[in-house]
């Protein structure tokens, strides 16, 4: 069993694109290896970098706000309560398409590690 509490979360990760990532369970938060769980916030007008993972599959669950997703060139929209599964090798990008913060949970299997994220230019 692994329990993480807010006082033990690793530092927030921020990137130039505007994403703010808080790992809740994973390699840095509790040492989980089978999967990771992160809460991600993207401010209005911002987006993640287009990227893919060679090993991990990801699931996003939108908690609040609205998102524009592009996966392998296909564009679609998600709102609070909706989810998407992103398979390994699928190029994906999520953008905040609303006026409020976009907040979602991301689950990666196996646990996310930086070496498995590949930017697409």
C-alpha atoms as a PDB file:
ATOM      1  CA  UNK A   1       0.000   0.000   0.000  1.00  0.00           C
ATOM      2  CA  UNK A   2       1.145   3.509  -0.787  1.00  0.00           C
ATOM      3  CA  UNK A   3      -0.555   6.541   0.698  1.00  0.00           C
ATOM      4  CA  UNK A   4       0.468  10.033  -0.327  1.00  0.00           C
ATOM      5  CA  UNK A   5      -0.694  13.118   1.503  1.00  0.00           C
ATOM      6  CA  UNK A   6      -0.598  16.689   0.268  1.00  0.00           C
ATOM      7  CA  UNK A   7       2.297  17.495   2.593  1.00  0.00           C
ATOM      8  CA  UNK A   8       4.377  14.769   0.887  1.00  0.00           C
ATOM      9  CA  UNK A   9       3.670  15.581  -2.767  1.00  0.00           C
ATOM     10  CA  UNK A  10       6.739  16.349  -4.868  1.00  0.00           C
ATOM     11  CA  UNK A  11       7.224  19.887  -6.150  1.00  0.00           C
ATOM     12  CA  UNK A  12       4.938  21.138  -8.891  1.00  0.00           C
ATOM     13  CA  UNK A  13       6.272  20.756 -12.411  1.00  0.00           C
ATOM     14  CA  UNK A  14       5.682  23.662 -14.766  1.00  0.00           C
ATOM     15  CA  UNK A  15       6.640  23.972 -18.388  1.00  0.00           C
ATOM     16  CA  UNK A  16       6.922  26.907 -20.807  1.00  0.00           C
ATOM     17  CA  UNK A  17       3.664  25.897 -22.498  1.00  0.00           C
ATOM     18  CA  UNK A  18       1.773  26.706 -19.276  1.00  0.00           C
ATOM     19  CA  UNK A  19       0.959  23.290 -17.816  1.00  0.00           C
ATOM     20  CA  UNK A  20       1.224  22.905 -14.054  1.00  0.00           C
ATOM     21  CA  UNK A  21       1.606  19.241 -13.077  1.00  0.00           C
ATOM     22  CA  UNK A  22       1.240  17.775  -9.582  1.00  0.00           C
ATOM     23  CA  UNK A  23       2.108  14.092  -9.298  1.00  0.00           C
ATOM     24  CA  UNK A  24      -0.166  12.488  -6.699  1.00  0.00           C
ATOM     25  CA  UNK A  25       1.092   8.908  -7.046  1.00  0.00           C
ATOM     26  CA  UNK A  26       4.031   7.689  -9.081  1.00  0.00           C
ATOM     27  CA  UNK A  27       7.774   7.319  -9.115  1.00  0.00           C
ATOM     28  CA  UNK A  28       8.303  10.638  -7.308  1.00  0.00           C
ATOM     29  CA  UNK A  29       5.131  10.503  -5.192  1.00  0.00           C
ATOM     30  CA  UNK A  30       5.332   7.362  -3.111  1.00  0.00           C
ATOM     31  CA  UNK A  31       7.431   5.218  -5.434  1.00  0.00           C
ATOM     32  CA  UNK A  32       4.549   3.628  -7.384  1.00  0.00           C
ATOM     33  CA  UNK A  33       5.845   1.903 -10.530  1.00  0.00           C
ATOM     34  CA  UNK A  34       2.792   0.219 -12.060  1.00  0.00           C
ATOM     35  CA  UNK A  35       0.980   3.472 -12.750  1.00  0.00           C
ATOM     36  CA  UNK A  36       1.037   7.159 -11.905  1.00  0.00           C
ATOM     37  CA  UNK A  37      -1.672   9.689 -11.127  1.00  0.00           C
ATOM     38  CA  UNK A  38      -1.249  13.423 -11.671  1.00  0.00           C
ATOM     39  CA  UNK A  39      -3.461  16.497 -11.445  1.00  0.00           C
ATOM     40  CA  UNK A  40      -2.780  18.901 -14.295  1.00  0.00           C
ATOM     41  CA  UNK A  41      -3.901  22.508 -14.633  1.00  0.00           C
ATOM     42  CA  UNK A  42      -3.710  24.429 -17.912  1.00  0.00           C
ATOM     43  CA  UNK A  43      -4.632  28.136 -17.814  1.00  0.00           C
ATOM     44  CA  UNK A  44      -6.912  29.714 -20.418  1.00  0.00           C
ATOM     45  CA  UNK A  45      -5.239  30.085 -23.804  1.00  0.00           C
ATOM     46  CA  UNK A  46      -2.480  27.562 -23.018  1.00  0.00           C
ATOM     47  CA  UNK A  47      -1.802  23.996 -24.214  1.00  0.00           C
ATOM     48  CA  UNK A  48       0.511  21.083 -23.653  1.00  0.00           C
ATOM     49  CA  UNK A  49       3.333  20.458 -26.071  1.00  0.00           C
ATOM     50  CA  UNK A  50       2.502  17.945 -28.806  1.00  0.00           C
ATOM     51  CA  UNK A  51       4.201  14.725 -27.704  1.00  0.00           C
ATOM     52  CA  UNK A  52       3.979  10.945 -27.484  1.00  0.00           C
ATOM     53  CA  UNK A  53       5.106   8.122 -25.232  1.00  0.00           C
ATOM     54  CA  UNK A  54       6.749   4.930 -26.462  1.00  0.00           C
ATOM     55  CA  UNK A  55       5.796   2.816 -23.421  1.00  0.00           C
ATOM     56  CA  UNK A  56       3.034   4.518 -21.447  1.00  0.00           C
ATOM     57  CA  UNK A  57      -0.638   4.698 -22.195  1.00  0.00           C
ATOM     58  CA  UNK A  58      -2.426   7.658 -20.653  1.00  0.00           C
ATOM     59  CA  UNK A  59      -5.982   8.321 -19.570  1.00  0.00           C
ATOM     60  CA  UNK A  60      -7.267  11.848 -18.960  1.00  0.00           C
ATOM     61  CA  UNK A  61     -10.376  12.609 -16.901  1.00  0.00           C
ATOM     62  CA  UNK A  62     -11.527  16.217 -17.206  1.00  0.00           C
ATOM     63  CA  UNK A  63     -12.473  17.615 -13.781  1.00  0.00           C
ATOM     64  CA  UNK A  64     -13.289  21.203 -14.778  1.00  0.00           C
ATOM     65  CA  UNK A  65     -13.046  23.441 -17.798  1.00  0.00           C
ATOM     66  CA  UNK A  66     -13.118  22.452 -21.446  1.00  0.00           C
ATOM     67  CA  UNK A  67     -10.416  20.894 -23.578  1.00  0.00           C
ATOM     68  CA  UNK A  68      -9.515  20.653 -27.220  1.00  0.00           C
ATOM     69  CA  UNK A  69      -7.643  17.404 -27.875  1.00  0.00           C
ATOM     70  CA  UNK A  70      -5.664  16.462 -30.953  1.00  0.00           C
ATOM     71  CA  UNK A  71      -4.600  12.826 -31.228  1.00  0.00           C
ATOM     72  CA  UNK A  72      -2.780  11.746 -34.384  1.00  0.00           C
ATOM     73  CA  UNK A  73      -4.231  14.756 -36.190  1.00  0.00           C
ATOM     74  CA  UNK A  74      -7.848  14.092 -35.136  1.00  0.00           C
ATOM     75  CA  UNK A  75      -9.406  16.998 -33.221  1.00  0.00           C
ATOM     76  CA  UNK A  76     -12.193  16.646 -30.656  1.00  0.00           C
ATOM     77  CA  UNK A  77     -13.508  18.323 -27.510  1.00  0.00           C
ATOM     78  CA  UNK A  78     -13.901  17.176 -23.901  1.00  0.00           C
ATOM     79  CA  UNK A  79     -15.739  18.718 -20.958  1.00  0.00           C
ATOM     80  CA  UNK A  80     -15.950  17.949 -17.240  1.00  0.00           C
ATOM     81  CA  UNK A  81     -16.741  14.285 -16.586  1.00  0.00           C
ATOM     82  CA  UNK A  82     -15.430  13.061 -19.952  1.00  0.00           C
ATOM     83  CA  UNK A  83     -12.325  10.945 -20.480  1.00  0.00           C
ATOM     84  CA  UNK A  84      -9.946   9.776 -23.182  1.00  0.00           C
ATOM     85  CA  UNK A  85      -7.452   6.914 -23.492  1.00  0.00           C
ATOM     86  CA  UNK A  86      -4.219   7.701 -25.356  1.00  0.00           C
ATOM     87  CA  UNK A  87      -2.319   4.646 -26.576  1.00  0.00           C
ATOM     88  CA  UNK A  88       1.499   4.429 -26.773  1.00  0.00           C
ATOM     89  CA  UNK A  89       2.950   6.123 -29.877  1.00  0.00           C
ATOM     90  CA  UNK A  90      -0.149   8.322 -30.389  1.00  0.00           C
ATOM     91  CA  UNK A  91       0.899  11.949 -30.830  1.00  0.00           C
ATOM     92  CA  UNK A  92      -1.316  14.044 -28.580  1.00  0.00           C
ATOM     93  CA  UNK A  93      -1.862  17.573 -27.369  1.00  0.00           C
ATOM     94  CA  UNK A  94      -4.441  19.023 -25.004  1.00  0.00           C
ATOM     95  CA  UNK A  95      -5.398  22.708 -24.984  1.00  0.00           C
ATOM     96  CA  UNK A  96      -7.614  24.800 -22.755  1.00  0.00           C
ATOM     97  CA  UNK A  97     -10.480  25.910 -24.971  1.00  0.00           C
ATOM     98  CA  UNK A  98     -12.320  27.884 -22.287  1.00  0.00           C
ATOM     99  CA  UNK A  99     -11.955  30.999 -20.158  1.00  0.00           C
ATOM    100  CA  UNK A 100     -11.320  29.186 -16.851  1.00  0.00           C
ATOM    101  CA  UNK A 101      -8.534  26.823 -15.848  1.00  0.00           C
ATOM    102  CA  UNK A 102      -8.663  23.361 -17.412  1.00  0.00           C
ATOM    103  CA  UNK A 103      -8.097  20.800 -14.638  1.00  0.00           C
ATOM    104  CA  UNK A 104      -7.786  17.074 -15.275  1.00  0.00           C
ATOM    105  CA  UNK A 105      -6.378  13.868 -13.862  1.00  0.00           C
ATOM    106  CA  UNK A 106      -3.836  11.913 -15.886  1.00  0.00           C
ATOM    107  CA  UNK A 107      -3.147   8.234 -15.258  1.00  0.00           C
ATOM    108  CA  UNK A 108      -0.092   6.652 -16.920  1.00  0.00           C
ATOM    109  CA  UNK A 109       0.558   2.911 -17.152  1.00  0.00           C
ATOM    110  CA  UNK A 110       3.358   2.148 -16.367  1.00  0.00           C
ATOM    111  CA  UNK A 111       4.181   5.086 -14.096  1.00  0.00           C
ATOM    112  CA  UNK A 112       5.194   8.222 -16.015  1.00  0.00           C
ATOM    113  CA  UNK A 113       8.862   9.022 -16.320  1.00  0.00           C
ATOM    114  CA  UNK A 114      10.401  11.929 -18.222  1.00  0.00           C
ATOM    115  CA  UNK A 115      12.456   9.646 -20.460  1.00  0.00           C
ATOM    116  CA  UNK A 116       9.223   8.328 -22.036  1.00  0.00           C
ATOM    117  CA  UNK A 117       7.993  11.730 -23.280  1.00  0.00           C
ATOM    118  CA  UNK A 118       9.010  12.688 -26.799  1.00  0.00           C
ATOM    119  CA  UNK A 119       8.254  16.159 -28.153  1.00  0.00           C
ATOM    120  CA  UNK A 120       7.010  16.526 -31.704  1.00  0.00           C
ATOM    121  CA  UNK A 121       8.170  19.641 -33.522  1.00  0.00           C
END
